[in-house]
Amino acid sequence: MSFKRVACGTQAHALCLDISSSGILFEASEAADVGRALEIRTFPADRITPPLTALIEVIRCTKTDEGHFRIVGAIKGIKSQAPDPINS
């Protein structure tokens, strides 16, 4: 998956650990500020599940023992669930 900071547009890659209809948990190499808006994009391994682009609000960010960051976000809106024409 990837995420982009809405305010400045910087993008980073992350590993999705859990996702539901209302939230997401992912691990990244950089922190995200609580309360900030991020645009996330998932790239599921199976071809049955389409990519997802959504807006989230960061509600928690904790540093792991390995130096990565576990980020929890509340999904505020779905932007797209259409197949990605680049990766199709």
C-alpha atoms as a PDB file:
ATOM      1  CA  MET A   1       0.000   0.000   0.000  1.00  0.00           C
ATOM      2  CA  SER A   2       0.977   3.622  -0.189  1.00  0.00           C
ATOM      3  CA  PHE A   3      -0.078   6.772   1.587  1.00  0.00           C
ATOM      4  CA  LYS A   4       0.116  10.452   0.759  1.00  0.00           C
ATOM      5  CA  ARG A   5      -0.028  13.393   3.123  1.00  0.00           C
ATOM      6  CA  VAL A   6      -2.941  15.528   1.909  1.00  0.00           C
ATOM      7  CA  ALA A   7      -1.441  18.806   3.174  1.00  0.00           C
ATOM      8  CA  CYS A   8       1.910  18.552   1.384  1.00  0.00           C
ATOM      9  CA  GLY A   9       1.540  15.707  -1.116  1.00  0.00           C
ATOM     10  CA  THR A  10       4.540  13.635   0.013  1.00  0.00           C
ATOM     11  CA  GLN A  11       4.064   9.934  -0.617  1.00  0.00           C
ATOM     12  CA  ALA A  12       5.435   6.831   1.125  1.00  0.00           C
ATOM     13  CA  HIS A  13       5.009   3.067   1.000  1.00  0.00           C
ATOM     14  CA  ALA A  14       3.654   0.996   3.877  1.00  0.00           C
ATOM     15  CA  LEU A  15       2.497  -2.498   4.838  1.00  0.00           C
ATOM     16  CA  CYS A  16      -1.233  -2.912   5.513  1.00  0.00           C
ATOM     17  CA  LEU A  17      -1.716  -5.039   8.646  1.00  0.00           C
ATOM     18  CA  ASP A  18      -5.500  -4.805   9.021  1.00  0.00           C
ATOM     19  CA  ILE A  19      -8.375  -3.048   7.302  1.00  0.00           C
ATOM     20  CA  SER A  20     -12.112  -2.839   7.965  1.00  0.00           C
ATOM     21  CA  SER A  21     -15.013  -0.762   6.714  1.00  0.00           C
ATOM     22  CA  SER A  22     -14.197   1.990   9.219  1.00  0.00           C
ATOM     23  CA  GLY A  23     -10.440   1.879   9.768  1.00  0.00           C
ATOM     24  CA  ILE A  24      -6.968   0.714   8.820  1.00  0.00           C
ATOM     25  CA  LEU A  25      -3.779  -0.330  10.603  1.00  0.00           C
ATOM     26  CA  PHE A  26      -0.518  -0.137   8.697  1.00  0.00           C
ATOM     27  CA  GLU A  27       3.212  -0.038   9.324  1.00  0.00           C
ATOM     28  CA  ALA A  28       5.496   2.546   7.751  1.00  0.00           C
ATOM     29  CA  SER A  29       9.101   3.666   8.025  1.00  0.00           C
ATOM     30  CA  GLU A  30       8.038   7.220   8.887  1.00  0.00           C
ATOM     31  CA  ALA A  31       5.606   8.669  11.411  1.00  0.00           C
ATOM     32  CA  ALA A  32       2.291  10.377  10.688  1.00  0.00           C
ATOM     33  CA  ASP A  33       0.902  13.121  12.912  1.00  0.00           C
ATOM     34  CA  VAL A  34      -2.279  12.348  14.841  1.00  0.00           C
ATOM     35  CA  GLY A  35      -5.214  14.308  13.452  1.00  0.00           C
ATOM     36  CA  ARG A  36      -3.674  14.683   9.991  1.00  0.00           C
ATOM     37  CA  ALA A  37      -5.406  13.605   6.786  1.00  0.00           C
ATOM     38  CA  LEU A  38      -3.812  10.952   4.604  1.00  0.00           C
ATOM     39  CA  GLU A  39      -4.865   9.496   1.282  1.00  0.00           C
ATOM     40  CA  ILE A  40      -4.255   5.751   1.268  1.00  0.00           C
ATOM     41  CA  ARG A  41      -4.157   3.323  -1.624  1.00  0.00           C
ATOM     42  CA  THR A  42      -4.196  -0.432  -1.165  1.00  0.00           C
ATOM     43  CA  PHE A  43      -2.966  -2.948  -3.718  1.00  0.00           C
ATOM     44  CA  PRO A  44      -4.456  -6.340  -2.714  1.00  0.00           C
ATOM     45  CA  ALA A  45      -2.451  -9.429  -3.649  1.00  0.00           C
ATOM     46  CA  ASP A  46      -5.508 -11.264  -4.986  1.00  0.00           C
ATOM     47  CA  ARG A  47      -7.137 -10.157  -8.237  1.00  0.00           C
ATOM     48  CA  ILE A  48     -10.647 -10.532  -6.782  1.00  0.00           C
ATOM     49  CA  THR A  49     -10.298  -7.520  -4.468  1.00  0.00           C
ATOM     50  CA  PRO A  50      -9.916  -4.212  -6.337  1.00  0.00           C
ATOM     51  CA  PRO A  51      -7.475  -1.505  -5.246  1.00  0.00           C
ATOM     52  CA  LEU A  52      -8.908   0.988  -2.786  1.00  0.00           C
ATOM     53  CA  THR A  53      -8.231   4.718  -2.505  1.00  0.00           C
ATOM     54  CA  ALA A  54      -9.572   6.407   0.624  1.00  0.00           C
ATOM     55  CA  LEU A  55      -9.118   9.416   2.874  1.00  0.00           C
ATOM     56  CA  ILE A  56      -8.256   8.681   6.496  1.00  0.00           C
ATOM     57  CA  GLU A  57      -7.639  10.634   9.675  1.00  0.00           C
ATOM     58  CA  VAL A  58      -4.662   9.435  11.729  1.00  0.00           C
ATOM     59  CA  ILE A  59      -5.865   8.521  15.212  1.00  0.00           C
ATOM     60  CA  ARG A  60      -2.731   6.810  16.571  1.00  0.00           C
ATOM     61  CA  CYS A  61       0.926   6.460  15.632  1.00  0.00           C
ATOM     62  CA  THR A  62       3.309   4.389  17.740  1.00  0.00           C
ATOM     63  CA  LYS A  63       6.940   3.475  17.194  1.00  0.00           C
ATOM     64  CA  THR A  64       7.760  -0.249  17.186  1.00  0.00           C
ATOM     65  CA  ASP A  65      10.847  -1.843  18.732  1.00  0.00           C
ATOM     66  CA  GLU A  66      12.186  -2.281  15.197  1.00  0.00           C
ATOM     67  CA  GLY A  67      11.983   1.475  14.536  1.00  0.00           C
ATOM     68  CA  HIS A  68       8.940   1.419  12.250  1.00  0.00           C
ATOM     69  CA  PHE A  69       5.654   3.184  12.956  1.00  0.00           C
ATOM     70  CA  ARG A  70       2.270   1.541  13.438  1.00  0.00           C
ATOM     71  CA  ILE A  71      -0.375   3.936  12.189  1.00  0.00           C
ATOM     72  CA  VAL A  72      -4.100   3.624  12.884  1.00  0.00           C
ATOM     73  CA  GLY A  73      -6.497   5.633  10.769  1.00  0.00           C
ATOM     74  CA  ALA A  74     -10.252   6.169  10.678  1.00  0.00           C
ATOM     75  CA  ILE A  75     -11.611   5.962   7.133  1.00  0.00           C
ATOM     76  CA  LYS A  76     -13.428   9.227   6.399  1.00  0.00           C
ATOM     77  CA  GLY A  77     -14.284   8.652   2.752  1.00  0.00           C
ATOM     78  CA  ILE A  78     -13.777   6.291  -0.170  1.00  0.00           C
ATOM     79  CA  LYS A  79     -12.345   7.932  -3.268  1.00  0.00           C
ATOM     80  CA  SER A  80     -12.213   4.904  -5.574  1.00  0.00           C
ATOM     81  CA  GLN A  81     -12.652   1.169  -5.726  1.00  0.00           C
ATOM     82  CA  ALA A  82     -12.171   0.929  -9.477  1.00  0.00           C
ATOM     83  CA  PRO A  83      -9.517  -1.364 -10.909  1.00  0.00           C
ATOM     84  CA  ASP A  84      -6.184   0.350 -11.459  1.00  0.00           C
ATOM     85  CA  PRO A  85      -5.636   0.547 -15.247  1.00  0.00           C
ATOM     86  CA  ILE A  86      -1.858   0.759 -14.788  1.00  0.00           C
ATOM     87  CA  ASN A  87      -1.632  -2.515 -12.838  1.00  0.00           C
ATOM     88  CA  SER A  88      -4.418  -4.416 -14.634  1.00  0.00           C
END
